[in-house]
């Protein structure tokens, strides 16, 4: 498919001053490259994990504080297990059974929008933070048996789930990849509650 998406980025103080609806805050972002792989459509989980670690380290983000991952999640038999491995090695590491990180992908709902796939994921993650809720993974009958979700510290939302309803702030991240091997990772935080 094809698609387009638009978000408005402003410094927080300007958005508050102007009375804007704030869906989320960008805490940190980064990009890197897969390097040599077995094929143009085969991602490199080590490069993906390195990027996630780099973003978390650069912006002093504890990966264990991330409650939701908007994965690239193309539904492919090769790419999804490799991405899940990368996510689990950093964000899912050391999680207890009652604190598995939710992971989903907008692609099962709207398809792969090619160059707009990343912005679609960013919009979904911001909406999840704004509503403090994660929708169920659309059109999911059987999870990929090649992905050991619980072992990786990850969990698929099968029904709409509240997103850390008692927390002052909630973190989510977005993973996105380019066809030529570019990886992008963004960490978002829920917007501050309005002062009454």
Protein backbone atom coordinates (compact mmCIF):
# COMPACT_ATOMS: atom_id res chain seq x y z
CA UNK A 1 0.00 0.00 0.00
CA UNK A 2 0.87 3.64 -0.07
CA UNK A 3 0.20 6.27 2.56
CA UNK A 4 1.11 9.56 4.14
CA UNK A 5 1.03 10.85 7.68
CA UNK A 6 1.63 14.21 9.32
CA UNK A 7 2.47 15.14 12.89
CA UNK A 8 3.13 18.59 14.28
CA UNK A 9 6.27 18.87 16.40
CA UNK A 10 6.64 21.72 18.86
CA UNK A 11 8.67 22.39 21.98
CA UNK A 12 6.55 21.42 24.99
CA UNK A 13 6.48 24.94 26.43
CA UNK A 14 5.13 26.32 23.13
CA UNK A 15 2.45 23.62 22.84
CA UNK A 16 1.32 24.27 26.44
CA UNK A 17 1.35 28.04 25.84
CA UNK A 18 -0.75 27.65 22.69
CA UNK A 19 -3.27 25.29 24.30
CA UNK A 20 -2.50 22.48 21.83
CA UNK A 21 -3.67 18.89 22.27
CA UNK A 22 -0.48 17.06 23.18
CA UNK A 23 -0.48 13.36 22.33
CA UNK A 24 3.04 12.55 23.47
CA UNK A 25 6.56 13.78 23.97
CA UNK A 26 9.58 12.57 22.03
CA UNK A 27 12.21 11.51 24.58
CA UNK A 28 14.86 10.37 22.14
CA UNK A 29 15.49 8.97 18.69
CA UNK A 30 18.21 7.53 16.54
CA UNK A 31 19.03 5.79 13.28
CA UNK A 32 21.65 3.30 12.17
CA UNK A 33 22.29 0.85 9.34
CA UNK A 34 22.09 -2.95 9.20
CA UNK A 35 25.34 -3.35 7.32
CA UNK A 36 25.82 -6.58 5.36
CA UNK A 37 22.99 -9.13 5.68
CA UNK A 38 21.86 -12.26 3.84
CA UNK A 39 19.50 -10.21 1.67
CA UNK A 40 17.92 -6.80 1.28
CA UNK A 41 14.77 -7.92 3.09
CA UNK A 42 16.60 -9.72 5.91
CA UNK A 43 17.12 -7.43 8.92
CA UNK A 44 20.07 -7.57 11.31
CA UNK A 45 18.87 -8.01 14.91
CA UNK A 46 22.27 -7.07 16.35
CA UNK A 47 22.14 -3.69 14.58
CA UNK A 48 18.56 -3.17 15.74
CA UNK A 49 19.44 -4.02 19.35
CA UNK A 50 22.51 -1.75 19.21
CA UNK A 51 20.32 1.15 18.08
CA UNK A 52 17.75 0.58 20.83
CA UNK A 53 20.56 0.49 23.43
CA UNK A 54 22.14 3.61 21.94
CA UNK A 55 18.88 5.60 22.10
CA UNK A 56 18.18 4.46 25.67
CA UNK A 57 21.75 5.21 26.82
CA UNK A 58 21.98 8.57 25.05
CA UNK A 59 18.72 9.84 26.54
CA UNK A 60 18.98 8.12 29.97
CA UNK A 61 15.95 5.91 29.35
CA UNK A 62 15.62 2.67 31.28
CA UNK A 63 14.39 0.05 28.76
CA UNK A 64 12.47 -1.68 31.57
CA UNK A 65 10.30 1.46 31.87
CA UNK A 66 8.98 1.07 28.31
CA UNK A 67 5.45 -0.33 28.49
CA UNK A 68 4.54 -0.58 24.80
CA UNK A 69 6.49 -1.25 21.60
CA UNK A 70 5.05 -0.30 18.22
CA UNK A 71 7.05 -2.77 16.17
CA UNK A 72 7.79 -2.59 12.47
CA UNK A 73 6.02 -5.96 12.44
CA UNK A 74 5.57 -6.76 8.78
CA UNK A 75 4.12 -10.20 9.47
CA UNK A 76 6.96 -11.91 7.60
CA UNK A 77 8.27 -15.30 8.74
CA UNK A 78 11.90 -14.09 8.78
CA UNK A 79 11.72 -10.42 9.76
CA UNK A 80 9.32 -10.61 12.69
CA UNK A 81 11.29 -13.20 14.71
CA UNK A 82 14.51 -11.25 14.13
CA UNK A 83 12.90 -7.98 15.22
CA UNK A 84 11.33 -9.66 18.27
CA UNK A 85 14.76 -11.04 19.20
CA UNK A 86 16.26 -7.53 19.06
CA UNK A 87 13.39 -6.01 21.07
CA UNK A 88 13.51 -8.76 23.65
CA UNK A 89 17.28 -8.54 24.09
CA UNK A 90 17.04 -4.91 25.19
CA UNK A 91 13.49 -3.96 26.22
CA UNK A 92 12.28 -7.39 27.33
CA UNK A 93 15.46 -8.39 29.18
CA UNK A 94 14.92 -9.43 32.79
CA UNK A 95 11.19 -8.78 32.89
CA UNK A 96 9.00 -10.78 35.21
CA UNK A 97 5.95 -12.70 33.95
CA UNK A 98 3.61 -9.99 35.30
CA UNK A 99 5.56 -7.17 33.58
CA UNK A 100 5.93 -8.33 29.97
CA UNK A 101 6.12 -5.45 27.48
CA UNK A 102 3.15 -5.12 25.12
CA UNK A 103 4.10 -5.22 21.45
CA UNK A 104 1.95 -4.59 18.38
CA UNK A 105 2.06 -3.24 14.84
CA UNK A 106 -0.29 -0.97 12.91
CA UNK A 107 0.43 -2.92 9.71
CA UNK A 108 -2.11 -5.60 10.59
CA UNK A 109 -4.77 -2.88 10.59
CA UNK A 110 -3.86 -0.60 7.67
CA UNK A 111 -1.26 -2.61 5.77
CA UNK A 112 2.34 -1.69 5.00
CA UNK A 113 2.23 1.91 3.82
CA UNK A 114 5.79 1.77 2.46
CA UNK A 115 7.52 5.10 3.13
CA UNK A 116 4.74 6.15 5.53
CA UNK A 117 5.02 3.02 7.69
CA UNK A 118 7.16 4.73 10.32
CA UNK A 119 4.92 7.77 10.72
CA UNK A 120 1.87 5.49 10.95
CA UNK A 121 3.57 3.67 13.82
CA UNK A 122 4.48 6.94 15.52
CA UNK A 123 0.88 8.16 15.28
CA UNK A 124 -0.45 4.90 16.72
CA UNK A 125 2.04 4.95 19.61
CA UNK A 126 1.17 8.58 20.41
CA UNK A 127 -2.54 7.73 20.39
CA UNK A 128 -1.91 4.76 22.70
CA UNK A 129 -0.12 7.08 25.12
CA UNK A 130 -2.80 9.75 24.85
CA UNK A 131 -5.62 7.29 25.56
CA UNK A 132 -3.53 5.18 27.95
CA UNK A 133 -4.76 2.11 26.09
CA UNK A 134 -3.35 -0.38 23.60
CA UNK A 135 -5.76 -1.87 21.06
CA UNK A 136 -5.71 -5.61 20.37
CA UNK A 137 -3.45 -6.74 17.56
CA UNK A 138 -5.79 -6.71 14.57
CA UNK A 139 -6.41 -9.80 12.45
CA UNK A 140 -4.34 -12.04 14.73
CA UNK A 141 -5.46 -15.64 14.91
CA UNK A 142 -2.24 -17.47 15.75
CA UNK A 143 0.94 -15.75 16.95
CA UNK A 144 4.09 -16.62 15.02
CA UNK A 145 5.33 -19.90 16.57
CA UNK A 146 8.94 -18.85 15.81
CA UNK A 147 8.66 -16.01 18.36
CA UNK A 148 8.94 -17.08 22.03
CA UNK A 149 7.16 -13.94 23.27
CA UNK A 150 7.24 -14.68 27.02
CA UNK A 151 10.92 -15.74 26.91
CA UNK A 152 11.69 -12.43 25.20
CA UNK A 153 9.79 -10.43 27.84
CA UNK A 154 7.13 -9.49 25.29
CA UNK A 155 3.35 -9.94 25.07
CA UNK A 156 0.78 -9.43 22.30
CA UNK A 157 -2.39 -7.52 23.22
CA UNK A 158 -5.30 -9.83 22.39
CA UNK A 159 -7.93 -7.41 23.78
CA UNK A 160 -7.83 -3.66 24.43
CA UNK A 161 -5.58 -3.17 27.44
CA UNK A 162 -5.01 -0.21 29.76
CA UNK A 163 -1.51 1.22 29.52
CA UNK A 164 -0.06 1.74 33.01
CA UNK A 165 -3.20 3.55 34.26
CA UNK A 166 -1.72 4.47 37.66
CA UNK A 167 1.65 5.72 36.41
CA UNK A 168 2.46 9.43 36.25
CA UNK A 169 4.21 8.90 32.94
CA UNK A 170 4.21 6.07 30.43
CA UNK A 171 6.88 5.28 27.85
CA UNK A 172 6.37 3.66 24.45
CA UNK A 173 8.75 3.17 21.56
CA UNK A 174 8.53 2.83 17.80
CA UNK A 175 10.74 0.59 15.67
CA UNK A 176 10.87 1.22 11.93
CA UNK A 177 13.08 -0.05 9.13
CA UNK A 178 13.92 1.06 5.63
CA UNK A 179 14.09 -1.33 2.70
CA UNK A 180 17.80 -0.66 2.23
CA UNK A 181 18.75 -1.53 5.81
CA UNK A 182 18.16 1.70 7.72
CA UNK A 183 16.85 1.22 11.27
CA UNK A 184 15.03 3.94 13.22
CA UNK A 185 13.97 3.93 16.86
CA UNK A 186 12.00 6.57 18.77
CA UNK A 187 10.99 6.64 22.44
CA UNK A 188 7.86 8.57 23.38
CA UNK A 189 6.49 9.62 26.75
CA UNK A 190 2.90 10.38 27.69
CA UNK A 191 2.04 14.07 27.75
CA UNK A 192 1.90 15.81 31.12
CA UNK A 193 -1.57 15.81 32.65
CA UNK A 194 -3.32 19.17 32.25
CA UNK A 195 -3.15 21.49 35.23
CA UNK A 196 -6.64 22.31 36.48
